[in-house]
Amino acid sequence: MKSHTRPDERLRAYFLLVLPAVTIYFAVIAFPTIFSITLSLTDYSGGIVFGDRADWSFVGFKHYFRMFRDQYFWIAFKNNIWIMLMSLFIQIPLGFTLAYTIFRKLIVGREFFQTIIYMPTIISCIVVAVLWQTFFSPYGPITDFMRLFNPLWENNLANDPNLAILPVLFVMVWYYTGMYLIIFLANLQKIDSQILEAAQIDGANERQMLFNIILPALSGVVVVTAILAISGSLKSFDLIFAMTSGNPARRTSVLALYMYDNAFKGSPDYPLANAISTFMVAVSFALILVTKKLENRFGGKE
């Protein structure tokens, strides 16, 4: 039976179906992004944005140059790099190792360990931050524990600018590794068990199965976790804000916290804050593109 729907009616129906999604996308993502980039190129200091009475003008890349000359920007950026490297080279490998150990039944009580490792991710980030802030404080349990071995030990983790970032990195490993564990474990369970059994029958050992069967099958998952790690490390805010607020002397600040300080503390500097956010998005996209290029060149397909 032939359809009597005319091409113009099908086109109209198509536009009616996609219009809500396009409208929401433009209102929630496209317009704020364009507006943020535009604002970073102006001298806007508050007040009316649109209309004849708008009091701002374009100043080009002035605020980007200001940002690059600010020492606190480089401190925040360096901390973001540390967090990203920690995510890529500690959280992801650790999450995969734990998932592989559980999947291959190399330990007893697999369900118990899976639950314990994943449990931190379901706890409020603010609760976690306050908990570990108390733990690492000069009067907290870590001080009492270390003094069992050295009664004269002084806890300077929270006050030493060179050491203050270490507790933050430790907490991030503890907090987010469970997420990668679940991602890898779910995808490990998709691998056909008959393939692994056939490899064992043919004499393959654990190392050969890992590098020749399992890792190539998970190449796509590794890329996804790397993208999550990169994007997550660049937008880190809530845990650090609640745990250290960027102190001491902004030595634990990150780009998101640096942007927040410029936008909402003291005299607001909206153009600079938007320049920081634009830089964060640009770096995130660049790193994700590099990750995809590496995966296309050296990785297999899931």
Protein backbone atom coordinates (compact mmCIF):
# COMPACT_ATOMS: atom_id res chain seq x y z
CA MET A 1 0.00 0.00 0.00
CA LYS A 2 1.55 3.32 -1.09
CA SER A 3 1.77 6.24 1.24
CA HIS A 4 -0.07 9.39 0.12
CA THR A 5 2.03 11.66 2.40
CA ARG A 6 3.48 14.50 0.37
CA PRO A 7 7.17 15.48 0.69
CA ASP A 8 6.32 18.86 2.20
CA GLU A 9 4.16 17.16 4.86
CA ARG A 10 7.00 14.79 5.76
CA LEU A 11 9.40 17.72 5.98
CA ARG A 12 6.97 19.61 8.21
CA ALA A 13 6.58 16.56 10.46
CA TYR A 14 10.36 16.20 10.65
CA PHE A 15 10.83 19.81 11.75
CA LEU A 16 8.04 19.50 14.33
CA LEU A 17 9.74 16.44 15.81
CA VAL A 18 13.25 17.92 16.01
CA LEU A 19 12.22 21.46 17.00
CA PRO A 20 11.84 20.76 20.77
CA ALA A 21 15.26 19.08 20.98
CA VAL A 22 16.95 21.80 18.91
CA THR A 23 15.30 24.52 21.01
CA ILE A 24 16.42 22.94 24.28
CA TYR A 25 19.95 22.40 22.93
CA PHE A 26 20.22 26.01 21.80
CA ALA A 27 18.81 27.39 25.06
CA VAL A 28 20.84 25.17 27.40
CA ILE A 29 24.13 24.61 25.54
CA ALA A 30 24.65 26.61 22.34
CA PHE A 31 23.52 30.06 23.50
CA PRO A 32 25.31 30.00 26.90
CA THR A 33 28.51 28.81 25.18
CA ILE A 34 28.41 31.55 22.55
CA PHE A 35 27.45 34.16 25.15
CA SER A 36 30.31 33.08 27.45
CA ILE A 37 32.89 33.32 24.66
CA THR A 38 31.51 36.71 23.62
CA LEU A 39 31.54 38.01 27.20
CA SER A 40 35.20 37.01 27.57
CA LEU A 41 36.04 39.43 24.74
CA THR A 42 34.35 42.44 26.36
CA ASP A 43 34.85 44.77 29.34
CA TYR A 44 31.43 43.96 30.82
CA SER A 45 31.31 44.69 34.55
CA GLY A 46 27.65 44.08 35.34
CA GLY A 47 24.36 45.71 34.52
CA ILE A 48 22.46 45.71 31.24
CA VAL A 49 23.77 43.31 28.62
CA PHE A 50 21.47 43.89 25.65
CA GLY A 51 19.85 47.00 24.27
CA ASP A 52 20.82 50.60 23.64
CA ARG A 53 21.79 51.17 27.27
CA ALA A 54 24.22 48.26 27.40
CA ASP A 55 27.46 49.51 28.94
CA TRP A 56 30.25 47.37 27.51
CA SER A 57 32.54 47.18 24.50
CA PHE A 58 34.76 44.61 22.82
CA VAL A 59 38.36 44.54 24.05
CA GLY A 60 39.61 41.49 22.14
CA PHE A 61 41.82 38.98 23.93
CA LYS A 62 42.80 41.36 26.73
CA HIS A 63 41.43 39.11 29.49
CA TYR A 64 43.13 36.03 28.06
CA PHE A 65 46.47 37.85 28.24
CA ARG A 66 45.65 38.88 31.82
CA MET A 67 44.87 35.30 32.65
CA PHE A 68 48.18 34.00 31.26
CA ARG A 69 50.11 36.64 33.21
CA ASP A 70 48.48 35.70 36.54
CA GLN A 71 50.62 33.37 38.67
CA TYR A 72 47.52 31.92 40.33
CA PHE A 73 46.24 30.79 36.94
CA TRP A 74 49.38 28.70 36.43
CA ILE A 75 49.14 27.26 39.94
CA ALA A 76 45.53 26.22 39.28
CA PHE A 77 46.39 24.86 35.83
CA LYS A 78 49.32 22.86 37.25
CA ASN A 79 47.01 21.31 39.86
CA ASN A 80 44.53 20.37 37.12
CA ILE A 81 47.37 18.69 35.24
CA TRP A 82 48.32 16.74 38.36
CA ILE A 83 44.72 15.64 38.84
CA MET A 84 44.46 14.60 35.18
CA LEU A 85 47.69 12.60 35.31
CA MET A 86 46.58 10.97 38.54
CA SER A 87 43.24 10.04 36.93
CA LEU A 88 44.84 8.66 33.77
CA PHE A 89 47.74 6.77 35.33
CA ILE A 90 46.45 5.79 38.77
CA GLN A 91 42.65 5.77 38.87
CA ILE A 92 42.08 4.06 35.51
CA PRO A 93 44.82 1.39 35.87
CA LEU A 94 43.81 0.75 39.48
CA GLY A 95 40.13 0.50 38.53
CA PHE A 96 40.97 -1.93 35.72
CA THR A 97 43.25 -4.02 37.95
CA LEU A 98 40.56 -4.36 40.59
CA ALA A 99 37.89 -5.15 37.98
CA TYR A 100 40.15 -7.74 36.33
CA THR A 101 40.91 -9.34 39.69
CA ILE A 102 37.20 -9.63 40.46
CA PHE A 103 36.27 -10.77 36.93
CA ARG A 104 38.92 -13.52 36.82
CA LYS A 105 37.95 -14.68 40.33
CA LEU A 106 41.48 -14.22 41.66
CA ILE A 107 40.19 -13.33 45.14
CA VAL A 108 37.46 -14.62 47.42
CA GLY A 109 34.56 -12.42 48.49
CA ARG A 110 34.35 -10.66 45.14
CA GLU A 111 30.91 -9.13 45.79
CA PHE A 112 32.11 -7.73 49.12
CA PHE A 113 35.17 -6.03 47.62
CA GLN A 114 33.16 -4.74 44.66
CA THR A 115 30.66 -3.13 47.02
CA ILE A 116 33.31 -1.65 49.32
CA ILE A 117 35.31 -0.11 46.46
CA TYR A 118 32.25 1.33 44.72
CA MET A 119 30.56 2.61 47.90
CA PRO A 120 32.46 5.96 48.11
CA THR A 121 31.00 7.11 44.78
CA ILE A 122 27.45 7.07 46.20
CA ILE A 123 28.36 9.27 49.18
CA SER A 124 27.87 13.01 48.90
CA CYS A 125 31.03 14.75 47.73
CA ILE A 126 30.70 17.36 50.47
CA VAL A 127 30.45 14.67 53.14
CA VAL A 128 33.55 12.97 51.75
CA ALA A 129 35.47 16.26 51.72
CA VAL A 130 34.60 17.10 55.33
CA LEU A 131 35.39 13.54 56.44
CA TRP A 132 38.87 13.54 54.91
CA GLN A 133 39.54 17.15 55.92
CA THR A 134 39.04 16.03 59.53
CA PHE A 135 41.18 12.95 58.96
CA PHE A 136 44.15 14.93 57.58
CA SER A 137 43.87 17.88 59.98
CA PRO A 138 46.71 18.49 62.47
CA TYR A 139 44.47 17.10 65.24
CA GLY A 140 43.02 14.24 63.21
CA PRO A 141 43.57 10.47 63.17
CA ILE A 142 46.49 10.65 60.71
CA THR A 143 48.48 12.64 63.27
CA ASP A 144 47.78 10.13 66.04
CA PHE A 145 48.68 7.24 63.74
CA MET A 146 51.99 8.70 62.58
CA ARG A 147 52.99 9.55 66.15
CA LEU A 148 52.81 5.88 67.02
CA PHE A 149 56.00 5.54 64.95
CA ASN A 150 57.47 9.01 65.52
CA PRO A 151 56.21 10.89 68.60
CA LEU A 152 57.76 14.13 67.30
CA TRP A 153 56.06 13.99 63.90
CA GLU A 154 54.39 17.27 62.94
CA ASN A 155 51.39 17.22 60.59
CA ASN A 156 51.96 20.01 58.06
CA LEU A 157 49.88 18.52 55.25
CA ALA A 158 47.22 21.20 55.50
CA ASN A 159 49.61 24.14 55.90
CA ASP A 160 52.58 23.32 53.69
CA PRO A 161 52.02 24.80 50.19
CA ASN A 162 54.15 22.03 48.65
CA LEU A 163 52.30 19.16 50.34
CA ALA A 164 48.70 20.40 50.61
CA ILE A 165 47.70 18.96 47.22
CA LEU A 166 48.72 15.41 48.19
CA PRO A 167 45.71 14.70 50.47
CA VAL A 168 43.41 16.02 47.74
CA LEU A 169 44.93 13.64 45.17
CA PHE A 170 44.67 10.74 47.61
CA VAL A 171 40.99 11.44 48.30
CA MET A 172 40.24 11.65 44.57
CA VAL A 173 41.80 8.23 44.01
CA TRP A 174 39.76 6.79 46.87
CA TYR A 175 36.56 8.51 45.75
CA TYR A 176 36.51 7.92 41.99
CA THR A 177 38.29 4.58 41.47
CA GLY A 178 35.05 2.70 42.16
CA MET A 179 33.42 4.34 39.14
CA TYR A 180 36.13 3.00 36.81
CA LEU A 181 35.89 -0.38 38.52
CA ILE A 182 32.21 -0.68 37.63
CA ILE A 183 32.77 0.53 34.03
CA PHE A 184 35.52 -2.02 33.40
CA LEU A 185 33.75 -4.83 35.23
CA ALA A 186 30.55 -4.33 33.23
CA ASN A 187 32.49 -4.47 29.95
CA LEU A 188 34.65 -7.41 31.02
CA GLN A 189 31.48 -9.39 31.55
CA LYS A 190 30.55 -8.78 27.89
CA ILE A 191 33.57 -10.75 26.67
CA ASP A 192 32.53 -14.22 25.48
CA SER A 193 33.72 -16.69 28.10
CA GLN A 194 34.13 -19.35 25.40
CA ILE A 195 36.94 -17.30 23.85
CA LEU A 196 38.83 -17.25 27.15
CA GLU A 197 38.18 -20.95 27.72
CA ALA A 198 39.46 -21.80 24.23
CA ALA A 199 42.59 -19.73 24.86
CA GLN A 200 43.21 -21.61 28.11
CA ILE A 201 42.77 -24.95 26.34
CA ASP A 202 45.31 -23.85 23.73
CA GLY A 203 47.80 -23.18 26.53
CA ALA A 204 47.54 -19.40 26.93
CA ASN A 205 48.54 -18.13 30.35
CA GLU A 206 46.93 -15.25 32.26
CA ARG A 207 49.33 -12.65 30.85
CA GLN A 208 48.76 -13.74 27.24
CA MET A 209 44.97 -13.64 27.65
CA LEU A 210 45.19 -10.19 29.23
CA PHE A 211 47.32 -8.57 26.53
CA ASN A 212 46.08 -10.50 23.47
CA ILE A 213 42.36 -10.87 24.16
CA ILE A 214 41.03 -8.74 27.01
CA LEU A 215 42.84 -5.41 26.55
CA PRO A 216 42.25 -5.26 22.74
CA ALA A 217 38.56 -5.98 23.37
CA LEU A 218 38.41 -3.10 25.86
CA SER A 219 40.25 -0.48 23.79
CA GLY A 220 37.06 1.51 23.23
CA VAL A 221 36.26 1.39 26.95
CA VAL A 222 39.76 2.61 27.81
CA VAL A 223 39.24 5.61 25.52
CA VAL A 224 35.87 6.37 27.14
CA THR A 225 37.37 6.24 30.63
CA ALA A 226 40.25 8.46 29.49
CA ILE A 227 37.75 11.02 28.16
CA LEU A 228 35.86 10.88 31.46
CA ALA A 229 39.11 11.34 33.37
CA ILE A 230 40.21 14.32 31.26
CA SER A 231 36.87 16.12 31.38
CA GLY A 232 36.41 15.34 35.07
CA SER A 233 39.88 16.54 36.03
CA LEU A 234 39.39 19.89 34.29
CA LYS A 235 36.07 20.60 35.97
CA SER A 236 37.10 19.48 39.47
CA PHE A 237 35.53 21.87 41.95
CA ASP A 238 33.18 20.61 44.66
CA LEU A 239 35.55 18.22 46.45
CA ILE A 240 38.41 20.74 46.53
CA PHE A 241 36.13 23.65 47.43
CA ALA A 242 34.75 21.78 50.44
CA MET A 243 38.06 20.25 51.48
CA THR A 244 40.56 23.13 51.15
CA SER A 245 38.86 26.07 49.35
CA GLY A 246 42.10 26.34 47.39
CA ASN A 247 44.22 27.04 50.49
CA PRO A 248 46.86 27.42 51.76
CA ALA A 249 47.70 30.50 49.68
CA ARG A 250 45.72 29.11 46.73
CA ARG A 251 48.20 26.25 46.36
CA THR A 252 45.39 23.69 46.02
CA SER A 253 43.28 25.83 43.68
CA VAL A 254 42.14 24.47 40.31
CA LEU A 255 40.83 26.26 37.22
CA ALA A 256 37.16 25.88 38.21
CA LEU A 257 37.88 27.32 41.66
CA TYR A 258 40.02 30.08 40.12
CA MET A 259 37.10 30.94 37.83
CA TYR A 260 34.68 30.92 40.79
CA ASP A 261 36.90 33.28 42.79
CA ASN A 262 37.04 35.78 39.92
CA ALA A 263 33.31 35.59 39.21
CA PHE A 264 31.79 35.63 42.68
CA LYS A 265 34.36 36.80 45.24
CA GLY A 266 35.20 40.42 45.86
CA SER A 267 34.63 42.62 42.83
CA PRO A 268 33.25 40.29 40.12
CA ASP A 269 35.35 40.05 36.98
CA TYR A 270 32.93 38.34 34.61
CA PRO A 271 35.02 38.66 31.41
CA LEU A 272 38.05 37.06 33.07
CA ALA A 273 35.90 34.29 34.57
CA ASN A 274 34.42 33.54 31.14
CA ALA A 275 37.89 33.58 29.59
CA ILE A 276 38.94 30.94 32.11
CA SER A 277 35.89 28.77 31.33
CA THR A 278 36.52 29.09 27.58
CA PHE A 279 40.13 28.05 28.11
CA MET A 280 39.00 25.01 30.13
CA VAL A 281 36.62 23.88 27.39
CA ALA A 282 39.26 24.41 24.69
CA VAL A 283 41.88 22.39 26.59
CA SER A 284 39.36 19.63 27.28
CA PHE A 285 38.41 19.35 23.61
CA ALA A 286 42.07 19.36 22.54
CA LEU A 287 43.01 16.58 24.95
CA ILE A 288 39.98 14.50 23.95
CA LEU A 289 40.91 14.87 20.26
CA VAL A 290 44.45 13.74 21.05
CA THR A 291 43.06 10.74 22.91
CA LYS A 292 40.85 9.79 19.96
CA LYS A 293 43.76 10.18 17.53
CA LEU A 294 45.94 7.90 19.64
CA GLU A 295 43.14 5.35 19.89
CA ASN A 296 42.63 5.38 16.10
CA ARG A 297 46.34 4.94 15.49
CA PHE A 298 47.37 2.44 18.13
CA GLY A 299 44.18 0.99 19.59
CA GLY A 300 41.90 -1.72 18.46
CA LYS A 301 38.14 -1.64 18.18
CA GLU A 302 35.84 -2.72 20.95
